[in-house]
PDB file of N, CA and C in Angstrom:
ATOM      1  N   UNK A   1       0.825  -1.188   0.000  1.00  0.00           N
ATOM      2  CA  UNK A   1       0.000   0.000   0.000  1.00  0.00           C
ATOM      3  C   UNK A   1       0.875   1.261   0.000  1.00  0.00           C
ATOM      4  N   UNK A   2       1.948   1.210   0.781  1.00  0.00           N
ATOM      5  CA  UNK A   2       2.841   2.363   0.849  1.00  0.00           C
ATOM      6  C   UNK A   2       3.528   2.598  -0.487  1.00  0.00           C
ATOM      7  N   UNK A   3       3.812   1.519  -1.206  1.00  0.00           N
ATOM      8  CA  UNK A   3       4.444   1.639  -2.522  1.00  0.00           C
ATOM      9  C   UNK A   3       3.514   2.375  -3.481  1.00  0.00           C
ATOM     10  N   UNK A   4       2.227   2.091  -3.399  1.00  0.00           N
ATOM     11  CA  UNK A   4       1.251   2.776  -4.258  1.00  0.00           C
ATOM     12  C   UNK A   4       1.195   4.256  -3.902  1.00  0.00           C
ATOM     13  N   UNK A   5       1.205   4.549  -2.604  1.00  0.00           N
ATOM     14  CA  UNK A   5       1.162   5.937  -2.140  1.00  0.00           C
ATOM     15  C   UNK A   5       2.346   6.725  -2.687  1.00  0.00           C
ATOM     16  N   UNK A   6       3.550   6.192  -2.489  1.00  0.00           N
ATOM     17  CA  UNK A   6       4.746   6.884  -2.977  1.00  0.00           C
ATOM     18  C   UNK A   6       4.754   6.979  -4.500  1.00  0.00           C
ATOM     19  N   UNK A   7       4.303   5.945  -5.159  1.00  0.00           N
ATOM     20  CA  UNK A   7       4.257   5.967  -6.620  1.00  0.00           C
ATOM     21  C   UNK A   7       3.319   7.027  -7.148  1.00  0.00           C
ATOM     22  N   UNK A   8       2.141   7.121  -6.534  1.00  0.00           N
ATOM     23  CA  UNK A   8       1.170   8.125  -6.968  1.00  0.00           C
ATOM     24  C   UNK A   8       1.681   9.536  -6.693  1.00  0.00           C
ATOM     25  N   UNK A   9       2.256   9.749  -5.517  1.00  0.00           N
ATOM     26  CA  UNK A   9       2.798  11.076  -5.190  1.00  0.00           C
ATOM     27  C   UNK A   9       3.935  11.442  -6.144  1.00  0.00           C
ATOM     28  N   UNK A  10       4.816  10.498  -6.439  1.00  0.00           N
ATOM     29  CA  UNK A  10       5.922  10.770  -7.356  1.00  0.00           C
ATOM     30  C   UNK A  10       5.410  11.059  -8.761  1.00  0.00           C
ATOM     31  N   UNK A  11       4.409  10.306  -9.215  1.00  0.00           N
ATOM     32  CA  UNK A  11       3.850  10.546 -10.553  1.00  0.00           C
ATOM     33  C   UNK A  11       3.232  11.934 -10.638  1.00  0.00           C
ATOM     34  N   UNK A  12       2.528  12.363  -9.593  1.00  0.00           N
ATOM     35  CA  UNK A  12       1.926  13.695  -9.601  1.00  0.00           C
ATOM     36  C   UNK A  12       2.987  14.792  -9.621  1.00  0.00           C
ATOM     37  N   UNK A  13       4.061  14.603  -8.876  1.00  0.00           N
ATOM     38  CA  UNK A  13       5.130  15.606  -8.854  1.00  0.00           C
ATOM     39  C   UNK A  13       5.853  15.651 -10.203  1.00  0.00           C
ATOM     40  N   UNK A  14       6.056  14.499 -10.825  1.00  0.00           N
ATOM     41  CA  UNK A  14       6.685  14.475 -12.155  1.00  0.00           C
ATOM     42  C   UNK A  14       5.802  15.206 -13.164  1.00  0.00           C
ATOM     43  N   UNK A  15       4.506  14.952 -13.116  1.00  0.00           N
ATOM     44  CA  UNK A  15       3.585  15.685 -14.000  1.00  0.00           C
ATOM     45  C   UNK A  15       3.664  17.192 -13.751  1.00  0.00           C
ATOM     46  N   UNK A  16       3.783  17.583 -12.495  1.00  0.00           N
ATOM     47  CA  UNK A  16       3.916  19.006 -12.156  1.00  0.00           C
ATOM     48  C   UNK A  16       5.194  19.583 -12.765  1.00  0.00           C
ATOM     49  N   UNK A  17       6.305  18.870 -12.614  1.00  0.00           N
ATOM     50  CA  UNK A  17       7.579  19.370 -13.150  1.00  0.00           C
ATOM     51  C   UNK A  17       7.545  19.481 -14.670  1.00  0.00           C
ATOM     52  N   UNK A  18       6.969  18.492 -15.330  1.00  0.00           N
ATOM     53  CA  UNK A  18       6.859  18.539 -16.796  1.00  0.00           C
ATOM     54  C   UNK A  18       5.945  19.688 -17.208  1.00  0.00           C
ATOM     55  N   UNK A  19       4.825  19.825 -16.516  1.00  0.00           N
ATOM     56  CA  UNK A  19       3.888  20.902 -16.856  1.00  0.00           C
ATOM     57  C   UNK A  19       4.468  22.284 -16.668  1.00  0.00           C
ATOM     58  N   UNK A  20       5.265  22.457 -15.607  1.00  0.00           N
ATOM     59  CA  UNK A  20       5.852  23.779 -15.374  1.00  0.00           C
ATOM     60  C   UNK A  20       6.985  24.082 -16.348  1.00  0.00           C
ATOM     61  N   UNK A  21       7.597  23.054 -16.912  1.00  0.00           N
ATOM     62  CA  UNK A  21       8.602  23.295 -17.944  1.00  0.00           C
ATOM     63  C   UNK A  21       7.938  23.690 -19.262  1.00  0.00           C
ATOM     64  N   UNK A  22       6.817  23.063 -19.565  1.00  0.00           N
ATOM     65  CA  UNK A  22       6.104  23.396 -20.801  1.00  0.00           C
ATOM     66  C   UNK A  22       5.393  24.744 -20.703  1.00  0.00           C
ATOM     67  N   UNK A  23       4.786  24.991 -19.563  1.00  0.00           N
ATOM     68  CA  UNK A  23       4.034  26.227 -19.341  1.00  0.00           C
ATOM     69  C   UNK A  23       4.500  26.850 -18.028  1.00  0.00           C
ATOM     70  N   UNK A  24       5.515  27.724 -18.060  1.00  0.00           N
ATOM     71  CA  UNK A  24       6.011  28.331 -16.813  1.00  0.00           C
ATOM     72  C   UNK A  24       4.899  29.095 -16.090  1.00  0.00           C
ATOM     73  N   UNK A  25       4.701  28.816 -14.813  1.00  0.00           N
ATOM     74  CA  UNK A  25       3.611  29.455 -14.073  1.00  0.00           C
ATOM     75  C   UNK A  25       3.723  30.980 -14.049  1.00  0.00           C
ATOM     76  N   UNK A  26       4.939  31.515 -13.987  1.00  0.00           N
ATOM     77  CA  UNK A  26       5.075  32.973 -13.942  1.00  0.00           C
ATOM     78  C   UNK A  26       4.555  33.612 -15.228  1.00  0.00           C
ATOM     79  N   UNK A  27       4.758  32.944 -16.362  1.00  0.00           N
ATOM     80  CA  UNK A  27       4.265  33.487 -17.635  1.00  0.00           C
ATOM     81  C   UNK A  27       2.755  33.302 -17.761  1.00  0.00           C
ATOM     82  N   UNK A  28       2.269  32.140 -17.362  1.00  0.00           N
ATOM     83  CA  UNK A  28       0.837  31.851 -17.491  1.00  0.00           C
ATOM     84  C   UNK A  28       0.010  32.733 -16.558  1.00  0.00           C
ATOM     85  N   UNK A  29       0.503  32.936 -15.323  1.00  0.00           N
ATOM     86  CA  UNK A  29      -0.256  33.694 -14.322  1.00  0.00           C
ATOM     87  C   UNK A  29       0.093  35.178 -14.279  1.00  0.00           C
ATOM     88  N   UNK A  30       1.084  35.602 -15.058  1.00  0.00           N
ATOM     89  CA  UNK A  30       1.413  37.024 -15.150  1.00  0.00           C
ATOM     90  C   UNK A  30       2.325  37.533 -14.048  1.00  0.00           C
ATOM     91  N   UNK A  31       3.215  36.698 -13.535  1.00  0.00           N
ATOM     92  CA  UNK A  31       4.130  37.107 -12.482  1.00  0.00           C
ATOM     93  C   UNK A  31       5.582  37.091 -12.968  1.00  0.00           C
ATOM     94  N   UNK A  32       5.832  37.545 -14.181  1.00  0.00           N
ATOM     95  CA  UNK A  32       7.186  37.526 -14.727  1.00  0.00           C
ATOM     96  C   UNK A  32       8.144  38.389 -13.910  1.00  0.00           C
ATOM     97  N   UNK A  33       7.667  39.475 -13.324  1.00  0.00           N
ATOM     98  CA  UNK A  33       8.535  40.391 -12.577  1.00  0.00           C
ATOM     99  C   UNK A  33       8.901  39.843 -11.198  1.00  0.00           C
ATOM    100  N   UNK A  34       8.204  38.843 -10.720  1.00  0.00           N
ATOM    101  CA  UNK A  34       8.474  38.288  -9.396  1.00  0.00           C
ATOM    102  C   UNK A  34       9.571  37.238  -9.493  1.00  0.00           C
ATOM    103  N   UNK A  35      10.663  37.479  -8.773  1.00  0.00           N
ATOM    104  CA  UNK A  35      11.776  36.530  -8.835  1.00  0.00           C
ATOM    105  C   UNK A  35      11.425  35.246  -8.090  1.00  0.00           C
ATOM    106  N   UNK A  36      11.880  34.138  -8.610  1.00  0.00           N
ATOM    107  CA  UNK A  36      11.696  32.810  -8.014  1.00  0.00           C
ATOM    108  C   UNK A  36      10.233  32.397  -7.872  1.00  0.00           C
ATOM    109  N   UNK A  37       9.349  32.987  -8.653  1.00  0.00           N
ATOM    110  CA  UNK A  37       7.937  32.612  -8.573  1.00  0.00           C
ATOM    111  C   UNK A  37       7.729  31.166  -8.994  1.00  0.00           C
ATOM    112  N   UNK A  38       8.409  30.750 -10.060  1.00  0.00           N
ATOM    113  CA  UNK A  38       8.239  29.378 -10.544  1.00  0.00           C
ATOM    114  C   UNK A  38       8.670  28.358  -9.496  1.00  0.00           C
ATOM    115  N   UNK A  39       9.803  28.603  -8.849  1.00  0.00           N
ATOM    116  CA  UNK A  39      10.291  27.667  -7.829  1.00  0.00           C
ATOM    117  C   UNK A  39       9.324  27.596  -6.648  1.00  0.00           C
ATOM    118  N   UNK A  40       8.839  28.741  -6.188  1.00  0.00           N
ATOM    119  CA  UNK A  40       7.890  28.756  -5.076  1.00  0.00           C
ATOM    120  C   UNK A  40       6.592  28.057  -5.461  1.00  0.00           C
ATOM    121  N   UNK A  41       6.138  28.276  -6.671  1.00  0.00           N
ATOM    122  CA  UNK A  41       4.912  27.628  -7.150  1.00  0.00           C
ATOM    123  C   UNK A  41       5.077  26.108  -7.173  1.00  0.00           C
ATOM    124  N   UNK A  42       6.228  25.651  -7.653  1.00  0.00           N
ATOM    125  CA  UNK A  42       6.475  24.208  -7.727  1.00  0.00           C
ATOM    126  C   UNK A  42       6.517  23.595  -6.325  1.00  0.00           C
ATOM    127  N   UNK A  43       7.208  24.241  -5.393  1.00  0.00           N
ATOM    128  CA  UNK A  43       7.319  23.696  -4.038  1.00  0.00           C
ATOM    129  C   UNK A  43       5.956  23.635  -3.362  1.00  0.00           C
ATOM    130  N   UNK A  44       5.175  24.704  -3.461  1.00  0.00           N
ATOM    131  CA  UNK A  44       3.858  24.720  -2.814  1.00  0.00           C
ATOM    132  C   UNK A  44       2.910  23.710  -3.452  1.00  0.00           C
ATOM    133  N   UNK A  45       2.893  23.630  -4.764  1.00  0.00           N
ATOM    134  CA  UNK A  45       2.006  22.702  -5.441  1.00  0.00           C
ATOM    135  C   UNK A  45       2.426  21.260  -5.201  1.00  0.00           C
ATOM    136  N   UNK A  46       3.725  20.998  -5.147  1.00  0.00           N
ATOM    137  CA  UNK A  46       4.196  19.638  -4.855  1.00  0.00           C
ATOM    138  C   UNK A  46       3.776  19.216  -3.455  1.00  0.00           C
ATOM    139  N   UNK A  47       3.796  20.130  -2.513  1.00  0.00           N
ATOM    140  CA  UNK A  47       3.318  19.817  -1.161  1.00  0.00           C
ATOM    141  C   UNK A  47       1.850  19.439  -1.142  1.00  0.00           C
ATOM    142  N   UNK A  48       1.052  20.168  -1.890  1.00  0.00           N
ATOM    143  CA  UNK A  48      -0.381  19.838  -1.980  1.00  0.00           C
ATOM    144  C   UNK A  48      -0.572  18.493  -2.664  1.00  0.00           C
ATOM    145  N   UNK A  49       0.161  18.260  -3.735  1.00  0.00           N
ATOM    146  CA  UNK A  49       0.035  16.988  -4.448  1.00  0.00           C
ATOM    147  C   UNK A  49       0.488  15.813  -3.590  1.00  0.00           C
ATOM    148  N   UNK A  50       1.436  16.039  -2.696  1.00  0.00           N
ATOM    149  CA  UNK A  50       1.904  14.956  -1.827  1.00  0.00           C
ATOM    150  C   UNK A  50       0.838  14.549  -0.821  1.00  0.00           C
ATOM    151  N   UNK A  51      -0.102  15.454  -0.509  1.00  0.00           N
ATOM    152  CA  UNK A  51      -1.156  15.100   0.448  1.00  0.00           C
ATOM    153  C   UNK A  51      -2.360  14.452  -0.213  1.00  0.00           C
ATOM    154  N   UNK A  52      -2.488  14.575  -1.513  1.00  0.00           N
ATOM    155  CA  UNK A  52      -3.641  13.979  -2.199  1.00  0.00           C
ATOM    156  C   UNK A  52      -3.691  12.470  -1.997  1.00  0.00           C
ATOM    157  N   UNK A  53      -2.578  11.737  -2.129  1.00  0.00           N
ATOM    158  CA  UNK A  53      -2.672  10.293  -1.879  1.00  0.00           C
ATOM    159  C   UNK A  53      -3.106   9.961  -0.456  1.00  0.00           C
ATOM    160  N   UNK A  54      -2.792  10.816   0.519  1.00  0.00           N
ATOM    161  CA  UNK A  54      -3.238  10.553   1.887  1.00  0.00           C
ATOM    162  C   UNK A  54      -4.763  10.550   1.943  1.00  0.00           C
ATOM    163  N   UNK A  55      -5.387  11.448   1.202  1.00  0.00           N
ATOM    164  CA  UNK A  55      -6.842  11.463   1.159  1.00  0.00           C
ATOM    165  C   UNK A  55      -7.374  10.212   0.470  1.00  0.00           C
ATOM    166  N   UNK A  56      -6.666   9.745  -0.535  1.00  0.00           N
ATOM    167  CA  UNK A  56      -7.075   8.509  -1.194  1.00  0.00           C
ATOM    168  C   UNK A  56      -6.941   7.323  -0.252  1.00  0.00           C
ATOM    169  N   UNK A  57      -5.869   7.324   0.543  1.00  0.00           N
ATOM    170  CA  UNK A  57      -5.681   6.240   1.507  1.00  0.00           C
ATOM    171  C   UNK A  57      -6.803   6.268   2.538  1.00  0.00           C
ATOM    172  N   UNK A  58      -7.194   7.451   2.978  1.00  0.00           N
ATOM    173  CA  UNK A  58      -8.315   7.547   3.911  1.00  0.00           C
ATOM    174  C   UNK A  58      -9.569   6.956   3.292  1.00  0.00           C
ATOM    175  N   UNK A  59      -9.782   7.203   2.008  1.00  0.00           N
ATOM    176  CA  UNK A  59     -10.933   6.620   1.324  1.00  0.00           C
ATOM    177  C   UNK A  59     -10.856   5.110   1.267  1.00  0.00           C
ATOM    178  N   UNK A  60      -9.654   4.568   1.062  1.00  0.00           N
ATOM    179  CA  UNK A  60      -9.499   3.110   1.053  1.00  0.00           C
ATOM    180  C   UNK A  60      -9.768   2.523   2.429  1.00  0.00           C
ATOM    181  N   UNK A  61      -9.315   3.198   3.476  1.00  0.00           N
ATOM    182  CA  UNK A  61      -9.607   2.716   4.817  1.00  0.00           C
ATOM    183  C   UNK A  61     -11.107   2.729   5.088  1.00  0.00           C
ATOM    184  N   UNK A  62     -11.777   3.776   4.610  1.00  0.00           N
ATOM    185  CA  UNK A  62     -13.218   3.855   4.805  1.00  0.00           C
ATOM    186  C   UNK A  62     -13.890   2.677   4.114  1.00  0.00           C
ATOM    187  N   UNK A  63     -13.430   2.345   2.918  1.00  0.00           N
ATOM    188  CA  UNK A  63     -14.024   1.241   2.175  1.00  0.00           C
ATOM    189  C   UNK A  63     -13.793  -0.086   2.897  1.00  0.00           C
ATOM    190  N   UNK A  64     -12.712  -0.202   3.636  1.00  0.00           N
ATOM    191  CA  UNK A  64     -12.415  -1.439   4.350  1.00  0.00           C
ATOM    192  C   UNK A  64     -12.957  -1.433   5.770  1.00  0.00           C
ATOM    193  N   UNK A  65     -13.640  -0.369   6.181  1.00  0.00           N
ATOM    194  CA  UNK A  65     -14.218  -0.319   7.515  1.00  0.00           C
ATOM    195  C   UNK A  65     -13.288   0.207   8.583  1.00  0.00           C
ATOM    196  N   UNK A  66     -12.156   0.780   8.203  1.00  0.00           N
ATOM    197  CA  UNK A  66     -11.198   1.293   9.173  1.00  0.00           C
ATOM    198  C   UNK A  66     -11.177   2.818   9.198  1.00  0.00           C
ATOM    199  N   UNK A  67     -12.235   3.419   8.712  1.00  0.00           N
ATOM    200  CA  UNK A  67     -12.282   4.875   8.602  1.00  0.00           C
ATOM    201  C   UNK A  67     -12.193   5.548   9.970  1.00  0.00           C
ATOM    202  N   UNK A  68     -12.848   4.971  10.956  1.00  0.00           N
ATOM    203  CA  UNK A  68     -12.843   5.569  12.294  1.00  0.00           C
ATOM    204  C   UNK A  68     -11.446   5.689  12.868  1.00  0.00           C
ATOM    205  N   UNK A  69     -10.610   4.688  12.644  1.00  0.00           N
ATOM    206  CA  UNK A  69      -9.237   4.741  13.145  1.00  0.00           C
ATOM    207  C   UNK A  69      -8.460   5.855  12.461  1.00  0.00           C
ATOM    208  N   UNK A  70      -8.652   6.009  11.164  1.00  0.00           N
ATOM    209  CA  UNK A  70      -7.953   7.056  10.415  1.00  0.00           C
ATOM    210  C   UNK A  70      -8.358   8.438  10.916  1.00  0.00           C
ATOM    211  N   UNK A  71      -9.660   8.652  11.075  1.00  0.00           N
ATOM    212  CA  UNK A  71     -10.148   9.950  11.561  1.00  0.00           C
ATOM    213  C   UNK A  71      -9.672  10.204  12.984  1.00  0.00           C
ATOM    214  N   UNK A  72      -9.668   9.171  13.788  1.00  0.00           N
ATOM    215  CA  UNK A  72      -9.199   9.328  15.166  1.00  0.00           C
ATOM    216  C   UNK A  72      -7.747   9.762  15.236  1.00  0.00           C
ATOM    217  N   UNK A  73      -6.900   9.142  14.426  1.00  0.00           N
ATOM    218  CA  UNK A  73      -5.487   9.529  14.415  1.00  0.00           C
ATOM    219  C   UNK A  73      -5.312  10.966  13.921  1.00  0.00           C
ATOM    220  N   UNK A  74      -6.082  11.352  12.912  1.00  0.00           N
ATOM    221  CA  UNK A  74      -5.995  12.722  12.414  1.00  0.00           C
ATOM    222  C   UNK A  74      -6.465  13.709  13.481  1.00  0.00           C
ATOM    223  N   UNK A  75      -7.517  13.358  14.223  1.00  0.00           N
ATOM    224  CA  UNK A  75      -8.031  14.258  15.255  1.00  0.00           C
ATOM    225  C   UNK A  75      -7.031  14.432  16.396  1.00  0.00           C
ATOM    226  N   UNK A  76      -6.361  13.354  16.806  1.00  0.00           N
ATOM    227  CA  UNK A  76      -5.356  13.483  17.861  1.00  0.00           C
ATOM    228  C   UNK A  76      -4.209  14.369  17.414  1.00  0.00           C
ATOM    229  N   UNK A  77      -3.790  14.205  16.178  1.00  0.00           N
ATOM    230  CA  UNK A  77      -2.716  15.054  15.665  1.00  0.00           C
ATOM    231  C   UNK A  77      -3.113  16.519  15.634  1.00  0.00           C
ATOM    232  N   UNK A  78      -4.345  16.788  15.214  1.00  0.00           N
ATOM    233  CA  UNK A  78      -4.814  18.176  15.172  1.00  0.00           C
ATOM    234  C   UNK A  78      -4.974  18.749  16.578  1.00  0.00           C
ATOM    235  N   UNK A  79      -5.384  17.918  17.535  1.00  0.00           N
ATOM    236  CA  UNK A  79      -5.512  18.390  18.912  1.00  0.00           C
ATOM    237  C   UNK A  79      -4.158  18.805  19.470  1.00  0.00           C
ATOM    238  N   UNK A  80      -3.146  18.001  19.243  1.00  0.00           N
ATOM    239  CA  UNK A  80      -1.801  18.333  19.718  1.00  0.00           C
ATOM    240  C   UNK A  80      -1.309  19.614  19.049  1.00  0.00           C
ATOM    241  N   UNK A  81      -1.505  19.714  17.728  1.00  0.00           N
ATOM    242  CA  UNK A  81      -1.082  20.922  17.010  1.00  0.00           C
ATOM    243  C   UNK A  81      -1.812  22.154  17.533  1.00  0.00           C
ATOM    244  N   UNK A  82      -3.119  22.021  17.806  1.00  0.00           N
ATOM    245  CA  UNK A  82      -3.905  23.149  18.316  1.00  0.00           C
ATOM    246  C   UNK A  82      -3.401  23.584  19.690  1.00  0.00           C
ATOM    247  N   UNK A  83      -3.128  22.623  20.557  1.00  0.00           N
ATOM    248  CA  UNK A  83      -2.661  22.973  21.899  1.00  0.00           C
ATOM    249  C   UNK A  83      -1.309  23.683  21.855  1.00  0.00           C
ATOM    250  N   UNK A  84      -0.393  23.184  21.056  1.00  0.00           N
ATOM    251  CA  UNK A  84       0.923  23.824  20.933  1.00  0.00           C
ATOM    252  C   UNK A  84       0.770  25.230  20.360  1.00  0.00           C
ATOM    253  N   UNK A  85      -0.034  25.358  19.307  1.00  0.00           N
ATOM    254  CA  UNK A  85      -0.248  26.665  18.687  1.00  0.00           C
ATOM    255  C   UNK A  85      -0.885  27.639  19.674  1.00  0.00           C
ATOM    256  N   UNK A  86      -1.880  27.182  20.433  1.00  0.00           N
ATOM    257  CA  UNK A  86      -2.568  28.054  21.388  1.00  0.00           C
ATOM    258  C   UNK A  86      -1.615  28.557  22.463  1.00  0.00           C
ATOM    259  N   UNK A  87      -0.786  27.672  22.983  1.00  0.00           N
ATOM    260  CA  UNK A  87       0.157  28.087  24.022  1.00  0.00           C
ATOM    261  C   UNK A  87       1.127  29.127  23.468  1.00  0.00           C
ATOM    262  N   UNK A  88       1.637  28.902  22.263  1.00  0.00           N
ATOM    263  CA  UNK A  88       2.576  29.858  21.680  1.00  0.00           C
ATOM    264  C   UNK A  88       1.929  31.211  21.416  1.00  0.00           C
ATOM    265  N   UNK A  89       0.734  31.198  20.828  1.00  0.00           N
ATOM    266  CA  UNK A  89       0.063  32.465  20.498  1.00  0.00           C
ATOM    267  C   UNK A  89      -0.331  33.213  21.767  1.00  0.00           C
ATOM    268  N   UNK A  90      -0.877  32.501  22.752  1.00  0.00           N
ATOM    269  CA  UNK A  90      -1.274  33.172  23.992  1.00  0.00           C
ATOM    270  C   UNK A  90      -0.060  33.731  24.723  1.00  0.00           C
ATOM    271  N   UNK A  91       1.042  33.008  24.688  1.00  0.00           N
ATOM    272  CA  UNK A  91       2.258  33.517  25.327  1.00  0.00           C
ATOM    273  C   UNK A  91       2.719  34.817  24.699  1.00  0.00           C
ATOM    274  N   UNK A  92       2.685  34.883  23.370  1.00  0.00           N
ATOM    275  CA  UNK A  92       3.085  36.121  22.685  1.00  0.00           C
ATOM    276  C   UNK A  92       2.099  37.243  22.987  1.00  0.00           C
ATOM    277  N   UNK A  93       0.801  36.929  23.017  1.00  0.00           N
ATOM    278  CA  UNK A  93      -0.221  37.943  23.269  1.00  0.00           C
ATOM    279  C   UNK A  93      -0.092  38.502  24.675  1.00  0.00           C
ATOM    280  N   UNK A  94       0.118  37.639  25.654  1.00  0.00           N
ATOM    281  CA  UNK A  94       0.225  38.082  27.038  1.00  0.00           C
ATOM    282  C   UNK A  94       1.446  38.983  27.223  1.00  0.00           C
ATOM    283  N   UNK A  95       2.576  38.596  26.633  1.00  0.00           N
ATOM    284  CA  UNK A  95       3.764  39.451  26.756  1.00  0.00           C
ATOM    285  C   UNK A  95       3.545  40.820  26.125  1.00  0.00           C
ATOM    286  N   UNK A  96       2.875  40.853  24.965  1.00  0.00           N
ATOM    287  CA  UNK A  96       2.615  42.136  24.304  1.00  0.00           C
ATOM    288  C   UNK A  96       1.666  42.990  25.141  1.00  0.00           C
ATOM    289  N   UNK A  97       0.604  42.371  25.656  1.00  0.00           N
ATOM    290  CA  UNK A  97      -0.332  43.125  26.497  1.00  0.00           C
ATOM    291  C   UNK A  97       0.354  43.619  27.768  1.00  0.00           C
ATOM    292  N   UNK A  98       1.225  42.791  28.328  1.00  0.00           N
ATOM    293  CA  UNK A  98       1.948  43.174  29.532  1.00  0.00           C
ATOM    294  C   UNK A  98       2.769  44.436  29.293  1.00  0.00           C
ATOM    295  N   UNK A  99       3.464  44.488  28.162  1.00  0.00           N
ATOM    296  CA  UNK A  99       4.252  45.693  27.835  1.00  0.00           C
ATOM    297  C   UNK A  99       3.360  46.919  27.654  1.00  0.00           C
ATOM    298  N   UNK A 100       2.231  46.742  26.968  1.00  0.00           N
ATOM    299  CA  UNK A 100       1.334  47.877  26.715  1.00  0.00           C
ATOM    300  C   UNK A 100       0.736  48.393  28.014  1.00  0.00           C
ATOM    301  N   UNK A 101       0.261  47.466  28.870  1.00  0.00           N
ATOM    302  CA  UNK A 101      -0.335  47.901  30.132  1.00  0.00           C
ATOM    303  C   UNK A 101       0.688  48.543  31.064  1.00  0.00           C
ATOM    304  N   UNK A 102       1.903  48.007  31.075  1.00  0.00           N
ATOM    305  CA  UNK A 102       2.924  48.609  31.919  1.00  0.00           C
ATOM    306  C   UNK A 102       3.294  50.000  31.432  1.00  0.00           C
ATOM    307  N   UNK A 103       3.338  50.181  30.124  1.00  0.00           N
ATOM    308  CA  UNK A 103       3.634  51.513  29.586  1.00  0.00           C
ATOM    309  C   UNK A 103       2.499  52.485  29.881  1.00  0.00           C
ATOM    310  N   UNK A 104       1.270  52.005  29.871  1.00  0.00           N
ATOM    311  CA  UNK A 104       0.122  52.886  30.076  1.00  0.00           C
ATOM    312  C   UNK A 104      -0.088  53.225  31.555  1.00  0.00           C
ATOM    313  N   UNK A 105       0.094  52.243  32.465  1.00  0.00           N
ATOM    314  CA  UNK A 105      -0.277  52.456  33.865  1.00  0.00           C
ATOM    315  C   UNK A 105       0.905  52.480  34.828  1.00  0.00           C
ATOM    316  N   UNK A 106       2.075  52.092  34.365  1.00  0.00           N
ATOM    317  CA  UNK A 106       3.289  52.212  35.179  1.00  0.00           C
ATOM    318  C   UNK A 106       3.265  51.407  36.458  1.00  0.00           C
ATOM    319  N   UNK A 107       3.571  52.089  37.585  1.00  0.00           N
ATOM    320  CA  UNK A 107       3.711  51.422  38.875  1.00  0.00           C
ATOM    321  C   UNK A 107       2.409  50.785  39.342  1.00  0.00           C
ATOM    322  N   UNK A 108       1.292  51.374  39.046  1.00  0.00           N
ATOM    323  CA  UNK A 108       0.004  50.799  39.464  1.00  0.00           C
ATOM    324  C   UNK A 108      -0.197  49.415  38.831  1.00  0.00           C
ATOM    325  N   UNK A 109       0.193  49.268  37.587  1.00  0.00           N
ATOM    326  CA  UNK A 109       0.057  47.959  36.938  1.00  0.00           C
ATOM    327  C   UNK A 109       1.053  46.960  37.522  1.00  0.00           C
ATOM    328  N   UNK A 110       2.279  47.405  37.810  1.00  0.00           N
ATOM    329  CA  UNK A 110       3.255  46.489  38.393  1.00  0.00           C
ATOM    330  C   UNK A 110       2.787  46.003  39.768  1.00  0.00           C
ATOM    331  N   UNK A 111       2.160  46.891  40.544  1.00  0.00           N
ATOM    332  CA  UNK A 111       1.614  46.479  41.852  1.00  0.00           C
ATOM    333  C   UNK A 111       0.488  45.456  41.661  1.00  0.00           C
ATOM    334  N   UNK A 112      -0.384  45.713  40.711  1.00  0.00           N
ATOM    335  CA  UNK A 112      -1.477  44.771  40.429  1.00  0.00           C
ATOM    336  C   UNK A 112      -0.918  43.420  39.987  1.00  0.00           C
ATOM    337  N   UNK A 113       0.085  43.447  39.122  1.00  0.00           N
ATOM    338  CA  UNK A 113       0.672  42.207  38.607  1.00  0.00           C
ATOM    339  C   UNK A 113       1.316  41.399  39.728  1.00  0.00           C
ATOM    340  N   UNK A 114       1.877  42.059  40.733  1.00  0.00           N
ATOM    341  CA  UNK A 114       2.477  41.316  41.849  1.00  0.00           C
ATOM    342  C   UNK A 114       1.422  40.647  42.736  1.00  0.00           C
ATOM    343  N   UNK A 115       0.184  41.190  42.736  1.00  0.00           N
ATOM    344  CA  UNK A 115      -0.894  40.588  43.515  1.00  0.00           C
ATOM    345  C   UNK A 115      -1.670  39.534  42.747  1.00  0.00           C
ATOM    346  N   UNK A 116      -1.656  39.585  41.423  1.00  0.00           N
ATOM    347  CA  UNK A 116      -2.452  38.652  40.606  1.00  0.00           C
ATOM    348  C   UNK A 116      -1.755  37.313  40.502  1.00  0.00           C
ATOM    349  N   UNK A 117      -2.520  36.269  40.276  1.00  0.00           N
ATOM    350  CA  UNK A 117      -1.971  34.904  40.218  1.00  0.00           C
ATOM    351  C   UNK A 117      -1.299  34.586  38.913  1.00  0.00           C
ATOM    352  N   UNK A 118      -1.572  35.319  37.862  1.00  0.00           N
ATOM    353  CA  UNK A 118      -1.004  34.973  36.551  1.00  0.00           C
ATOM    354  C   UNK A 118       0.139  35.858  36.190  1.00  0.00           C
TER     355      UNK A 118
END
């Protein structure tokens, strides 16, 4: 099964490379003035094409009755990613707000911050 996945992903990327040589994306889409547009287009599109077989594999699992396991694994991965992202974003937001409030209220805010639990 993994051989089919890699084969399909490789075939899609080869088609992408051949297509971009025949029809450069910068010329077709009107981005001739943008440097490295073709390379960026190829990298981004190849990434999308590499995930298409994963969706096909999910469909095969569904056909075999293993769809729930596939969805469960995807949900756990997304939960972990969400938690990590939330902690990072909230940490940056709190530090930025802390600087703004300290600049606005000075010593009164520092006194409040020493009494607060967070």
